Structure formats: C-alpha cells, structure tokens
C-alpha atoms as a PDB file:
ATOM      1  CA  SER A   1     141.498  83.578 135.121  1.00  0.00           C
ATOM      2  CA  VAL A   2     139.351  86.498 136.237  1.00  0.00           C
ATOM      3  CA  LEU A   3     139.459  87.976 132.733  1.00  0.00           C
ATOM      4  CA  GLY A   4     138.502  84.630 131.245  1.00  0.00           C
ATOM      5  CA  MET A   5     135.546  84.309 133.612  1.00  0.00           C
ATOM      6  CA  ALA A   6     134.516  87.871 132.865  1.00  0.00           C
ATOM      7  CA  GLY A   7     134.743  87.209 129.122  1.00  0.00           C
ATOM      8  CA  ALA A   8     132.644  84.060 129.443  1.00  0.00           C
ATOM      9  CA  ALA A   9     130.059  85.934 131.512  1.00  0.00           C
ATOM     10  CA  ALA A  10     129.963  88.717 128.932  1.00  0.00           C
ATOM     11  CA  GLY A  11     129.495  86.141 126.183  1.00  0.00           C
ATOM     12  CA  ARG A  12     126.555  84.567 128.016  1.00  0.00           C
ATOM     13  CA  ALA A  13     125.047  88.001 128.607  1.00  0.00           C
ATOM     14  CA  LEU A  14     125.382  88.858 124.900  1.00  0.00           C
ATOM     15  CA  LEU A  15     123.712  85.590 123.915  1.00  0.00           C
ATOM     16  CA  ALA A  16     120.867  86.172 126.366  1.00  0.00           C
ATOM     17  CA  ALA A  17     120.424  89.722 125.091  1.00  0.00           C
ATOM     18  CA  ALA A  18     120.353  88.488 121.510  1.00  0.00           C
ATOM     19  CA  VAL A  19     117.612  85.994 122.352  1.00  0.00           C
ATOM     20  CA  LEU A  20     115.540  88.588 124.169  1.00  0.00           C
ATOM     21  CA  LEU A  21     115.984  91.255 121.524  1.00  0.00           C
ATOM     22  CA  SER A  22     115.001  88.807 118.788  1.00  0.00           C
ATOM     23  CA  LEU A  23     111.527  88.622 120.291  1.00  0.00           C
ATOM     24  CA  VAL A  24     110.300  91.845 118.731  1.00  0.00           C
ATOM     25  CA  PRO A  25     106.528  92.477 118.774  1.00  0.00           C
ATOM     26  CA  GLY A  26     104.729  91.821 115.521  1.00  0.00           C
ATOM     27  CA  GLY A  27     106.724  88.731 114.645  1.00  0.00           C
ATOM     28  CA  ARG A  28     109.663  90.740 113.303  1.00  0.00           C
ATOM     29  CA  SER A  29     113.207  89.719 114.160  1.00  0.00           C
ATOM     30  CA  ALA A  30     115.690  92.149 115.614  1.00  0.00           C
ATOM     31  CA  VAL A  31     118.479  93.074 113.218  1.00  0.00           C
ATOM     32  CA  PHE A  32     122.043  92.589 114.437  1.00  0.00           C
ATOM     33  CA  CYS A  33     124.138  92.143 111.282  1.00  0.00           C
ATOM     34  CA  CYS A  34     122.050  93.268 108.289  1.00  0.00           C
ATOM     35  CA  LYS A  35     123.284  96.852 108.370  1.00  0.00           C
ATOM     36  CA  THR A  36     125.265  99.266 106.237  1.00  0.00           C
ATOM     37  CA  PRO A  37     128.948  98.802 107.150  1.00  0.00           C
ATOM     38  CA  ARG A  38     131.252 101.629 108.106  1.00  0.00           C
ATOM     39  CA  PHE A  39     134.825 101.900 106.860  1.00  0.00           C
ATOM     40  CA  ASP A  40     135.896 105.072 108.678  1.00  0.00           C
ATOM     41  CA  ARG A  41     138.463 105.258 111.471  1.00  0.00           C
ATOM     42  CA  ASP A  42     135.760 104.791 114.140  1.00  0.00           C
ATOM     43  CA  TRP A  43     133.905 101.836 112.610  1.00  0.00           C
ATOM     44  CA  CYS A  44     134.756  99.594 115.576  1.00  0.00           C
ATOM     45  CA  HIS A  45     133.183 102.057 118.022  1.00  0.00           C
ATOM     46  CA  ASP A  46     129.783 101.933 116.349  1.00  0.00           C
ATOM     47  CA  PRO A  47     127.258 101.182 119.146  1.00  0.00           C
ATOM     48  CA  GLY A  48     125.852  98.255 117.167  1.00  0.00           C
ATOM     49  CA  CYS A  49     129.237  96.774 116.269  1.00  0.00           C
ATOM     50  CA  LEU A  50     129.376  92.979 116.559  1.00  0.00           C
ATOM     51  CA  GLY A  51     132.084  90.520 115.643  1.00  0.00           C
ATOM     52  CA  PHE A  52     135.865  90.446 115.582  1.00  0.00           C
ATOM     53  CA  GLY A  53     137.558  93.841 115.763  1.00  0.00           C
ATOM     54  CA  CYS A  54     134.832  95.732 117.625  1.00  0.00           C
ATOM     55  CA  GLN A  55     136.135  97.977 120.392  1.00  0.00           C
ATOM     56  CA  LEU A  56     133.210  98.677 122.705  1.00  0.00           C
ATOM     57  CA  ASP A  57     133.583  99.154 126.437  1.00  0.00           C
ATOM     58  CA  ASN A  58     132.974  95.964 128.414  1.00  0.00           C
ATOM     59  CA  PRO A  59     131.557  96.962 131.810  1.00  0.00           C
ATOM     60  CA  ALA A  60     132.878  93.706 133.269  1.00  0.00           C
ATOM     61  CA  THR A  61     136.479  94.887 132.819  1.00  0.00           C
ATOM     62  CA  VAL A  62     138.394  97.746 134.418  1.00  0.00           C
ATOM     63  CA  TYR A  63     139.917  98.847 131.124  1.00  0.00           C
ATOM     64  CA  ASP A  64     137.839 100.934 128.684  1.00  0.00           C
ATOM     65  CA  GLU A  65     138.116  99.017 125.403  1.00  0.00           C
ATOM     66  CA  SER A  66     136.407 101.870 123.537  1.00  0.00           C
ATOM     67  CA  GLN A  67     139.693 103.777 123.793  1.00  0.00           C
ATOM     68  CA  ASN A  68     141.382 101.241 121.510  1.00  0.00           C
ATOM     69  CA  GLN A  69     142.012 102.220 117.907  1.00  0.00           C
ATOM     70  CA  CYS A  70     140.077 100.496 115.147  1.00  0.00           C
ATOM     71  CA  SER A  71     141.813  98.368 112.537  1.00  0.00           C
ATOM     72  CA  ASP A  72     142.419 100.448 109.412  1.00  0.00           C
ATOM     73  CA  LEU A  73     139.816  99.721 106.724  1.00  0.00           C
ATOM     74  CA  SER A  74     140.639 102.681 104.504  1.00  0.00           C
ATOM     75  CA  ASP A  75     142.268 100.401 101.921  1.00  0.00           C
ATOM     76  CA  CYS A  76     139.449  97.831 101.862  1.00  0.00           C
ATOM     77  CA  LEU A  77     138.616  97.040  98.237  1.00  0.00           C
ATOM     78  CA  CYS A  78     134.922  97.319  99.049  1.00  0.00           C
ATOM     79  CA  ALA A  79     135.046 100.492 101.145  1.00  0.00           C
ATOM     80  CA  GLY A  80     132.476 101.975  98.765  1.00  0.00           C
ATOM     81  CA  VAL A  81     129.787  99.469  99.791  1.00  0.00           C
ATOM     82  CA  SER A  82     126.766 101.481 100.849  1.00  0.00           C
ATOM     83  CA  TRP A  83     124.009  98.889 101.097  1.00  0.00           C
ATOM     84  CA  LYS A  84     122.853  96.667 103.936  1.00  0.00           C
ATOM     85  CA  THR A  85     124.870  93.468 104.250  1.00  0.00           C
ATOM     86  CA  LYS A  86     125.432  90.849 106.930  1.00  0.00           C
ATOM     87  CA  ALA A  87     129.153  91.341 106.324  1.00  0.00           C
ATOM     88  CA  TYR A  88     128.688  94.212 108.794  1.00  0.00           C
ATOM     89  CA  CYS A  89     129.510  91.591 111.438  1.00  0.00           C
ATOM     90  CA  THR A  90     132.479  90.100 109.545  1.00  0.00           C
ATOM     91  CA  ILE A  91     133.907  93.259 108.048  1.00  0.00           C
ATOM     92  CA  LEU A  92     137.575  92.508 108.785  1.00  0.00           C
ATOM     93  CA  SER A  93     137.550  89.028 107.259  1.00  0.00           C
ATOM     94  CA  SER A  94     135.301  90.128 104.379  1.00  0.00           C
ATOM     95  CA  CYS A  95     137.768  92.887 103.442  1.00  0.00           C
ATOM     96  CA  THR A  96     140.695  90.464 103.745  1.00  0.00           C
ATOM     97  CA  HIS A  97     139.035  87.831 101.554  1.00  0.00           C
ATOM     98  CA  ALA A  98     137.940  90.419  98.991  1.00  0.00           C
ATOM     99  CA  LYS A  99     141.527  91.632  98.624  1.00  0.00           C
ATOM    100  CA  ALA A 100     142.794  88.057  98.277  1.00  0.00           C
ATOM    101  CA  ASP A 101     140.233  87.238  95.566  1.00  0.00           C
ATOM    102  CA  TYR A 102     141.024  90.486  93.737  1.00  0.00           C
ATOM    103  CA  THR A 103     144.707  89.521  93.626  1.00  0.00           C
ATOM    104  CA  MET A 104     143.882  85.946  92.604  1.00  0.00           C
ATOM    105  CA  ALA A 105     141.568  87.146  89.825  1.00  0.00           C
ATOM    106  CA  GLN A 106     144.316  89.352  88.375  1.00  0.00           C
ATOM    107  CA  ASP A 107     146.770  86.447  88.544  1.00  0.00           C
ATOM    108  CA  MET A 108     144.285  84.186  86.741  1.00  0.00           C
ATOM    109  CA  HIS A 109     143.705  86.818  84.080  1.00  0.00           C
ATOM    110  CA  LYS A 110     147.430  87.142  83.463  1.00  0.00           C
ATOM    111  CA  LEU A 111     147.859  83.356  83.405  1.00  0.00           C
ATOM    112  CA  TYR A 112     145.043  82.626  80.934  1.00  0.00           C
ATOM    113  CA  MET A 113     145.009  85.829  78.891  1.00  0.00           C
ATOM    114  CA  GLY A 114     148.758  86.437  78.887  1.00  0.00           C
ATOM    115  CA  SER A 115     148.369  90.097  79.803  1.00  0.00           C
ATOM    116  CA  VAL A 116     147.811  92.394  82.768  1.00  0.00           C
ATOM    117  CA  ALA A 117     144.174  93.290  83.398  1.00  0.00           C
ATOM    118  CA  ASN A 118     143.186  96.723  82.074  1.00  0.00           C
ATOM    119  CA  GLN A 119     141.152  99.258  84.062  1.00  0.00           C
ATOM    120  CA  ASP A 120     137.790  98.130  82.663  1.00  0.00           C
ATOM    121  CA  CYS A 121     138.559  94.592  83.810  1.00  0.00           C
ATOM    122  CA  LEU A 122     139.738  95.765  87.243  1.00  0.00           C
ATOM    123  CA  ASP A 123     136.567  97.819  87.724  1.00  0.00           C
ATOM    124  CA  ALA A 124     134.381  94.858  86.731  1.00  0.00           C
ATOM    125  CA  LEU A 125     136.288  92.517  89.045  1.00  0.00           C
ATOM    126  CA  GLU A 126     135.819  94.909  91.947  1.00  0.00           C
ATOM    127  CA  LYS A 127     132.045  94.991  91.432  1.00  0.00           C
ATOM    128  CA  VAL A 128     131.734  91.214  91.309  1.00  0.00           C
ATOM    129  CA  ILE A 129     134.046  90.620  94.274  1.00  0.00           C
ATOM    130  CA  CYS A 130     132.268  93.185  96.447  1.00  0.00           C
ATOM    131  CA  ALA A 131     128.870  91.742  95.530  1.00  0.00           C
ATOM    132  CA  TYR A 132     130.300  88.315  96.413  1.00  0.00           C
ATOM    133  CA  HIS A 133     131.780  89.230  99.813  1.00  0.00           C
ATOM    134  CA  PHE A 134     129.222  91.902 100.774  1.00  0.00           C
ATOM    135  CA  PRO A 135     125.906  90.466  99.518  1.00  0.00           C
ATOM    136  CA  LEU A 136     122.812  92.595  99.904  1.00  0.00           C
ATOM    137  CA  CYS A 137     120.547  91.529 102.755  1.00  0.00           C
ATOM    138  CA  GLU A 138     116.913  92.045 103.679  1.00  0.00           C
ATOM    139  CA  ASN A 139     117.347  90.944 107.298  1.00  0.00           C
ATOM    140  CA  ASP A 140     119.605  88.696 109.397  1.00  0.00           C
ATOM    141  CA  THR A 141     118.082  85.552 107.896  1.00  0.00           C
ATOM    142  CA  LYS A 142     117.835  86.560 104.234  1.00  0.00           C
ATOM    143  CA  ASP A 143     120.610  87.763 101.963  1.00  0.00           C
ATOM    144  CA  MET A 144     121.131  87.705  98.212  1.00  0.00           C
ATOM    145  CA  LYS A 145     124.255  85.594  97.701  1.00  0.00           C
ATOM    146  CA  MET A 146     123.720  85.240  93.968  1.00  0.00           C
ATOM    147  CA  ILE A 147     125.390  87.904  91.824  1.00  0.00           C
ATOM    148  CA  CYS A 148     123.234  89.490  89.153  1.00  0.00           C
ATOM    149  CA  PHE A 149     123.612  88.621  85.495  1.00  0.00           C
ATOM    150  CA  ASP A 150     124.620  92.095  84.319  1.00  0.00           C
ATOM    151  CA  THR A 151     127.406  92.390  86.899  1.00  0.00           C
ATOM    152  CA  CYS A 152     128.876  88.972  86.071  1.00  0.00           C
ATOM    153  CA  LEU A 153     128.489  89.540  82.340  1.00  0.00           C
ATOM    154  CA  GLU A 154     130.411  92.808  82.575  1.00  0.00           C
ATOM    155  CA  MET A 155     133.308  90.976  84.237  1.00  0.00           C
ATOM    156  CA  TYR A 156     133.214  88.139  81.701  1.00  0.00           C
ATOM    157  CA  GLN A 157     133.252  90.538  78.755  1.00  0.00           C
ATOM    158  CA  ALA A 158     135.936  92.834  80.212  1.00  0.00           C
ATOM    159  CA  CYS A 159     138.238  90.140  81.597  1.00  0.00           C
ATOM    160  CA  ASN A 160     137.271  86.932  79.757  1.00  0.00           C
ATOM    161  CA  ILE A 161     137.354  85.060  83.065  1.00  0.00           C
ATOM    162  CA  SER A 162     134.484  83.899  85.229  1.00  0.00           C
ATOM    163  CA  LEU A 163     133.843  83.425  88.935  1.00  0.00           C
ATOM    164  CA  PRO A 164     135.102  79.803  89.274  1.00  0.00           C
ATOM    165  CA  TYR A 165     138.601  81.002  88.342  1.00  0.00           C
ATOM    166  CA  PHE A 166     139.141  82.753  91.666  1.00  0.00           C
ATOM    167  CA  ALA A 167     136.186  82.311  94.051  1.00  0.00           C
ATOM    168  CA  SER A 168     135.685  79.381  96.419  1.00  0.00           C
ATOM    169  CA  VAL A 169     131.972  79.228  95.501  1.00  0.00           C
ATOM    170  CA  GLY A 170     132.063  79.553  91.743  1.00  0.00           C
ATOM    171  CA  ASN A 171     128.371  79.117  90.930  1.00  0.00           C
ATOM    172  CA  ARG A 172     127.090  82.387  92.345  1.00  0.00           C
ATOM    173  CA  CYS A 173     126.845  84.151  88.981  1.00  0.00           C
ATOM    174  CA  PHE A 174     123.392  83.911  87.460  1.00  0.00           C
ATOM    175  CA  PHE A 175     124.310  82.628  84.005  1.00  0.00           C
ATOM    176  CA  GLU A 176     122.803  79.150  83.795  1.00  0.00           C
ATOM    177  CA  GLY A 177     119.940  79.023  81.343  1.00  0.00           C
ATOM    178  CA  ILE A 178     120.416  82.726  80.607  1.00  0.00           C
ATOM    179  CA  TYR A 179     123.844  83.281  79.064  1.00  0.00           C
ATOM    180  CA  LYS A 180     124.108  83.149  75.272  1.00  0.00           C
ATOM    181  CA  GLU A 181     126.918  84.210  72.956  1.00  0.00           C
ATOM    182  CA  ASP A 182     124.387  86.343  71.083  1.00  0.00           C
ATOM    183  CA  LEU A 183     122.865  88.477  73.832  1.00  0.00           C
ATOM    184  CA  SER A 184     120.026  89.526  71.518  1.00  0.00           C
ATOM    185  CA  GLU A 185     118.715  85.970  71.859  1.00  0.00           C
ATOM    186  CA  ILE A 186     118.054  86.446  75.572  1.00  0.00           C
ATOM    187  CA  SER A 187     114.384  87.130  76.155  1.00  0.00           C
ATOM    188  CA  GLU A 188     113.183  90.125  78.158  1.00  0.00           C
ATOM    189  CA  THR A 189     111.540  87.716  80.577  1.00  0.00           C
ATOM    190  CA  ASP A 190     114.824  85.922  81.251  1.00  0.00           C
ATOM    191  CA  LEU A 191     116.710  89.182  81.646  1.00  0.00           C
ATOM    192  CA  LYS A 192     114.113  90.476  84.079  1.00  0.00           C
ATOM    193  CA  ARG A 193     114.332  87.233  86.054  1.00  0.00           C
ATOM    194  CA  ALA A 194     118.112  87.401  85.926  1.00  0.00           C
ATOM    195  CA  ASN A 195     118.067  90.858  87.496  1.00  0.00           C
ATOM    196  CA  ASP A 196     115.216  90.356  89.936  1.00  0.00           C
ATOM    197  CA  GLU A 197     115.753  92.751  92.831  1.00  0.00           C
ATOM    198  CA  THR A 198     114.750  90.135  95.391  1.00  0.00           C
ATOM    199  CA  THR A 199     117.189  87.341  94.609  1.00  0.00           C
ATOM    200  CA  CYS A 200     120.676  88.681  93.732  1.00  0.00           C
ATOM    201  CA  THR A 201     123.241  91.414  94.394  1.00  0.00           C
ATOM    202  CA  SER A 202     124.760  93.797  91.877  1.00  0.00           C
ATOM    203  CA  ALA A 203     127.042  96.770  92.541  1.00  0.00           C
ATOM    204  CA  SER A 204     127.523  99.511  89.969  1.00  0.00           C
ATOM    205  CA  THR A 205     128.240 103.217  90.042  1.00  0.00           C
ATOM    206  CA  SER A 206     124.831 104.845  89.634  1.00  0.00           C
ATOM    207  CA  VAL A 207     122.317 105.594  92.373  1.00  0.00           C
ATOM    208  CA  LEU A 208     119.418 103.195  91.995  1.00  0.00           C
ATOM    209  CA  GLY A 209     117.657 100.382  93.804  1.00  0.00           C
ATOM    210  CA  CYS A 210     115.364 100.474  96.801  1.00  0.00           C
ATOM    211  CA  LEU A 211     118.034  99.456  99.307  1.00  0.00           C
ATOM    212  CA  ALA A 212     121.021 101.343  97.895  1.00  0.00           C
ATOM    213  CA  ALA A 213     122.427 104.699  98.884  1.00  0.00           C
ATOM    214  CA  ASP A 214     125.294 105.339  96.479  1.00  0.00           C
ATOM    215  CA  THR A 215     125.148 102.109  94.560  1.00  0.00           C
ATOM    216  CA  GLU A 216     122.872 100.281  92.194  1.00  0.00           C
ATOM    217  CA  VAL A 217     121.712  97.120  93.916  1.00  0.00           C
ATOM    218  CA  PHE A 218     119.883  94.411  92.047  1.00  0.00           C
ATOM    219  CA  ALA A 219     119.141  90.793  92.862  1.00  0.00           C
ATOM    220  CA  LYS A 220     118.824  87.480  91.101  1.00  0.00           C
ATOM    221  CA  PRO A 221     118.707  83.634  91.224  1.00  0.00           C
ATOM    222  CA  SER A 222     121.045  80.633  90.924  1.00  0.00           C
ATOM    223  CA  PRO A 223     123.530  79.295  88.150  1.00  0.00           C
ATOM    224  CA  SER A 224     127.106  78.998  87.044  1.00  0.00           C
ATOM    225  CA  ALA A 225     129.161  81.203  84.756  1.00  0.00           C
ATOM    226  CA  PRO A 226     130.697  80.164  81.460  1.00  0.00           C
ATOM    227  CA  HIS A 227     134.422  79.601  81.129  1.00  0.00           C
ATOM    228  CA  PRO A 228     136.447  81.412  78.506  1.00  0.00           C
ATOM    229  CA  ALA A 229     136.965  79.490  75.304  1.00  0.00           C
END
C-alpha cells in the first residue's frame, strides 16, 4: 500500500539519519535514547521522541500525527524518574513491566510472608523496580543495569524478599561477596565498591549524585541477592 511504502521509506530515512548523526566530531556518539524521560501529557510530542507511542508528524503522510494524544503515563509507577535512562525509548513497555513486577512482588510477599506488604516495603520495592526498569545511563552504549547494594538491601530488610522472586533477571542486585547478616562486618572498601557511581543504579528520595535531578543515583557491580530464610 501507499502508506506501507511511505512507512518503509520513513524507516529507511530514520536509519540513515541515525547513522549520519552518530558520526559526531571528536569521536563522540550522538545520543538518541540516553535521556531523561517525560511522563507528562505531551511526552510523545517531544522532538527527540523515539520508539513505540511517539506521535511526531511524518512529512511523508497527509495526516499530522502530532495531533494525536499521547498514551497516559500519569499512573506509571516510575513517573518520578528524573535521571538519564535508555528507557526513554521504551517508556511505554518499561512502565508496563514495572507495574507488572510491582504487582508480582506484592503477591510474592503475601505468599511467603503471609501478610500484605506495609508502606516501607512498598516504597523499597518501588525504588528497586524503577532502578531495574529505568537504569541510569551514561550514553546510548553504556548503562548501569546493576542495582546498588543499599537499594537492594533496603528492599530485603523491609520486605524479606529479593529480586529473583519477581524479576526475570534476578542477579542484578549487588550482594554477592558483599552481603553479610552482620552488616558491621562489611568493610568500607566493599561498601564503597558496592555503591560505585559508575557501575550501578540506585533511586532514593534525596537530591544527590552527579547525574540526578530529584533523585539520588548511585552505581555498582555484579552479584545475586540472598533469599529469605
């Protein structure tokens, strides 16, 4: 169809533009997805919007797509994310998956603990899940998929469940070789490594971190979380 041909042509043009724009002087790559996401009613009209759900005018069509309404993100669990993340380009699916994991985590808590999660647990779950689905990024080729020790520990202590209970990739909490029942036994060196700002993501409520606006963003390395006894 004409629309199909136009869509294919637009796709080829976008790919060509991406290749050309990636050749930025000085050896730096252009940034397409490592951006701070928007969750307002006009997020899909952002000039840099890429991915499913964007509503930008396609000059190859008669209709002005920019007149379309954006999908509602006001109830996204992670609408408070204020750091750069490659989930900027997958915001609809990232919000959907975050909500699903949040529900699953509460179900797992009720199943194993025999009670409904309290507010401290819910708050801790939200931080971990948003760090998981909206990992901090440095550029389009580097993001911090590991979740920092302090963020995971807060969830473990508040909920007595760990990431493998509800996440498809359960080893993204930095616990291995660090976690101990007696936290006083953890060395300062290990704690510093476990919260290294260049290797993991952590979301909390204070304003801190070189790449955060309204959120504390840390970073850290590999490892798997402990399971409740």
